Each structure stands twice: as structure tokens, then as C-alpha cells.
Amino acid sequence: MGALPKRKISKQRKGNRRSHHALAAPALTVCKECKATALAHHVCANCGSYKGVQVIAV
């Protein structure tokens, strides 16, 4: 015999196990230079600055 479950997993137990599988919304912040929304801890895609320093030329 292989590894088989002895009892049926109920919907409640299955749902409780999967309660942490939900997708979280991305953490958006406001860029200090151009006031556009950007991902937290990422270079601003609009102006190319990070923490007030011009990092990439856009």
C-alpha cells in the first residue's frame, strides 16, 4: 500500500491551511522627486531616482 490519507480532509481544515495563500497588494510609495507612485525600495520608473539621488537616466 502506498501513502494514502486515512480520512477525508474537510473543507474547513483545507481552507484554514490555505488562509495564508492570498496575494498581497504591492507596497506603493510616493516618489520624493516627481510625486509619482513607485514600488517601495525600488528606483522610480518615472524619473529614475532613488532616495533623492538620480540613479538612472530616463
N, C-alpha and C. Protein backbone atom coordinates (compact mmCIF):
# COMPACT_ATOMS: atom_id res chain seq x y z
N MET A 1 0.84 -1.19 0.00
CA MET A 1 0.00 0.00 0.00
C MET A 1 0.88 1.24 0.00
N GLY A 2 0.44 2.22 -0.73
CA GLY A 2 1.15 3.49 -0.77
C GLY A 2 0.71 4.40 0.35
N ALA A 3 1.23 5.60 0.32
CA ALA A 3 0.88 6.60 1.32
C ALA A 3 -0.45 7.25 0.93
N LEU A 4 -1.50 6.88 1.61
CA LEU A 4 -2.83 7.41 1.32
C LEU A 4 -3.41 8.01 2.58
N PRO A 5 -4.26 9.06 2.45
CA PRO A 5 -4.88 9.62 3.64
C PRO A 5 -5.91 8.66 4.23
N LYS A 6 -5.94 8.58 5.55
CA LYS A 6 -6.90 7.70 6.21
C LYS A 6 -8.29 8.32 6.27
N ARG A 7 -8.35 9.66 6.33
CA ARG A 7 -9.63 10.35 6.44
C ARG A 7 -9.69 11.47 5.41
N LYS A 8 -10.91 11.85 5.06
CA LYS A 8 -11.11 12.97 4.15
C LYS A 8 -10.75 14.29 4.85
N ILE A 9 -10.04 15.15 4.16
CA ILE A 9 -9.72 16.47 4.69
C ILE A 9 -10.95 17.36 4.47
N SER A 10 -11.48 17.90 5.55
CA SER A 10 -12.70 18.70 5.45
C SER A 10 -12.42 20.04 4.76
N LYS A 11 -13.46 20.67 4.27
CA LYS A 11 -13.33 21.96 3.61
C LYS A 11 -12.80 23.02 4.56
N GLN A 12 -13.22 22.95 5.83
CA GLN A 12 -12.77 23.93 6.81
C GLN A 12 -11.27 23.78 7.08
N ARG A 13 -10.80 22.56 7.24
CA ARG A 13 -9.38 22.33 7.52
C ARG A 13 -8.54 22.72 6.30
N LYS A 14 -9.04 22.41 5.11
CA LYS A 14 -8.33 22.78 3.89
C LYS A 14 -8.29 24.29 3.73
N GLY A 15 -9.39 24.96 4.05
CA GLY A 15 -9.43 26.42 3.96
C GLY A 15 -8.53 27.09 4.99
N ASN A 16 -8.48 26.52 6.20
CA ASN A 16 -7.59 27.07 7.22
C ASN A 16 -6.13 26.93 6.81
N ARG A 17 -5.79 25.85 6.17
CA ARG A 17 -4.41 25.65 5.72
C ARG A 17 -4.06 26.65 4.62
N ARG A 18 -5.00 26.96 3.75
CA ARG A 18 -4.75 27.85 2.63
C ARG A 18 -5.04 29.32 2.95
N SER A 19 -5.26 29.63 4.21
CA SER A 19 -5.64 31.00 4.56
C SER A 19 -4.50 31.99 4.34
N HIS A 20 -3.26 31.51 4.27
CA HIS A 20 -2.11 32.39 4.08
C HIS A 20 -1.69 32.47 2.62
N HIS A 21 -2.45 31.89 1.70
CA HIS A 21 -2.06 31.85 0.29
C HIS A 21 -2.53 33.06 -0.49
N ALA A 22 -3.22 34.00 0.15
CA ALA A 22 -3.78 35.14 -0.58
C ALA A 22 -2.66 36.07 -1.05
N LEU A 23 -2.87 36.71 -2.19
CA LEU A 23 -1.90 37.65 -2.73
C LEU A 23 -2.02 38.98 -1.99
N ALA A 24 -0.88 39.57 -1.70
CA ALA A 24 -0.85 40.87 -1.02
C ALA A 24 -0.67 41.98 -2.05
N ALA A 25 -1.26 43.13 -1.78
CA ALA A 25 -1.11 44.27 -2.68
C ALA A 25 0.33 44.80 -2.58
N PRO A 26 0.90 45.25 -3.69
CA PRO A 26 2.28 45.77 -3.63
C PRO A 26 2.34 47.05 -2.81
N ALA A 27 3.45 47.22 -2.09
CA ALA A 27 3.64 48.38 -1.23
C ALA A 27 4.07 49.57 -2.10
N LEU A 28 3.15 50.49 -2.36
CA LEU A 28 3.44 51.65 -3.19
C LEU A 28 3.74 52.85 -2.31
N THR A 29 4.72 53.64 -2.72
CA THR A 29 5.06 54.87 -2.02
C THR A 29 5.05 56.01 -3.02
N VAL A 30 5.15 57.22 -2.52
CA VAL A 30 5.19 58.41 -3.38
C VAL A 30 6.65 58.82 -3.56
N CYS A 31 7.07 59.02 -4.80
CA CYS A 31 8.43 59.44 -5.10
C CYS A 31 8.64 60.87 -4.59
N LYS A 32 9.79 61.12 -3.94
CA LYS A 32 10.07 62.44 -3.39
C LYS A 32 10.38 63.46 -4.47
N GLU A 33 10.86 63.01 -5.62
CA GLU A 33 11.26 63.92 -6.69
C GLU A 33 10.08 64.32 -7.58
N CYS A 34 9.38 63.31 -8.14
CA CYS A 34 8.35 63.61 -9.14
C CYS A 34 6.93 63.39 -8.63
N LYS A 35 6.77 62.94 -7.38
CA LYS A 35 5.46 62.71 -6.75
C LYS A 35 4.64 61.62 -7.44
N ALA A 36 5.29 60.73 -8.18
CA ALA A 36 4.59 59.61 -8.81
C ALA A 36 4.63 58.42 -7.86
N THR A 37 3.71 57.48 -8.04
CA THR A 37 3.72 56.28 -7.21
C THR A 37 4.78 55.33 -7.73
N ALA A 38 5.54 54.74 -6.81
CA ALA A 38 6.60 53.80 -7.17
C ALA A 38 6.61 52.68 -6.13
N LEU A 39 7.20 51.56 -6.51
CA LEU A 39 7.35 50.46 -5.57
C LEU A 39 8.32 50.85 -4.46
N ALA A 40 8.04 50.41 -3.25
CA ALA A 40 8.91 50.72 -2.13
C ALA A 40 10.25 50.02 -2.33
N HIS A 41 11.36 50.70 -2.01
CA HIS A 41 12.71 50.18 -2.10
C HIS A 41 13.10 49.86 -3.54
N HIS A 42 12.53 50.57 -4.51
CA HIS A 42 12.87 50.40 -5.92
C HIS A 42 13.13 51.78 -6.53
N VAL A 43 13.85 51.78 -7.65
CA VAL A 43 14.08 53.02 -8.39
C VAL A 43 12.77 53.45 -9.02
N CYS A 44 12.48 54.75 -8.98
CA CYS A 44 11.26 55.28 -9.58
C CYS A 44 11.33 55.10 -11.09
N ALA A 45 10.31 54.51 -11.67
CA ALA A 45 10.29 54.28 -13.12
C ALA A 45 10.01 55.56 -13.88
N ASN A 46 9.45 56.56 -13.20
CA ASN A 46 9.08 57.80 -13.88
C ASN A 46 10.28 58.74 -14.03
N CYS A 47 11.05 58.95 -12.95
CA CYS A 47 12.16 59.90 -13.01
C CYS A 47 13.53 59.26 -12.84
N GLY A 48 13.60 58.01 -12.40
CA GLY A 48 14.88 57.31 -12.27
C GLY A 48 15.66 57.66 -11.02
N SER A 49 15.00 58.15 -9.99
CA SER A 49 15.71 58.50 -8.76
C SER A 49 15.39 57.48 -7.67
N TYR A 50 16.33 57.38 -6.70
CA TYR A 50 16.16 56.51 -5.55
C TYR A 50 16.71 57.21 -4.35
N LYS A 51 15.87 57.43 -3.34
CA LYS A 51 16.22 58.15 -2.11
C LYS A 51 16.78 59.52 -2.42
N GLY A 52 16.20 60.20 -3.38
CA GLY A 52 16.60 61.57 -3.70
C GLY A 52 17.83 61.67 -4.57
N VAL A 53 18.39 60.55 -5.02
CA VAL A 53 19.59 60.56 -5.86
C VAL A 53 19.22 60.06 -7.24
N GLN A 54 19.68 60.78 -8.29
CA GLN A 54 19.42 60.35 -9.66
C GLN A 54 20.29 59.11 -9.95
N VAL A 55 19.65 57.96 -10.19
CA VAL A 55 20.38 56.71 -10.34
C VAL A 55 20.50 56.32 -11.81
N ILE A 56 19.38 56.42 -12.55
CA ILE A 56 19.41 56.08 -13.97
C ILE A 56 18.85 57.24 -14.77
N ALA A 57 19.31 57.36 -15.99
CA ALA A 57 18.82 58.42 -16.88
C ALA A 57 17.56 57.92 -17.58
N VAL A 58 16.50 58.69 -17.46
CA VAL A 58 15.23 58.29 -18.09
C VAL A 58 14.96 59.22 -19.27
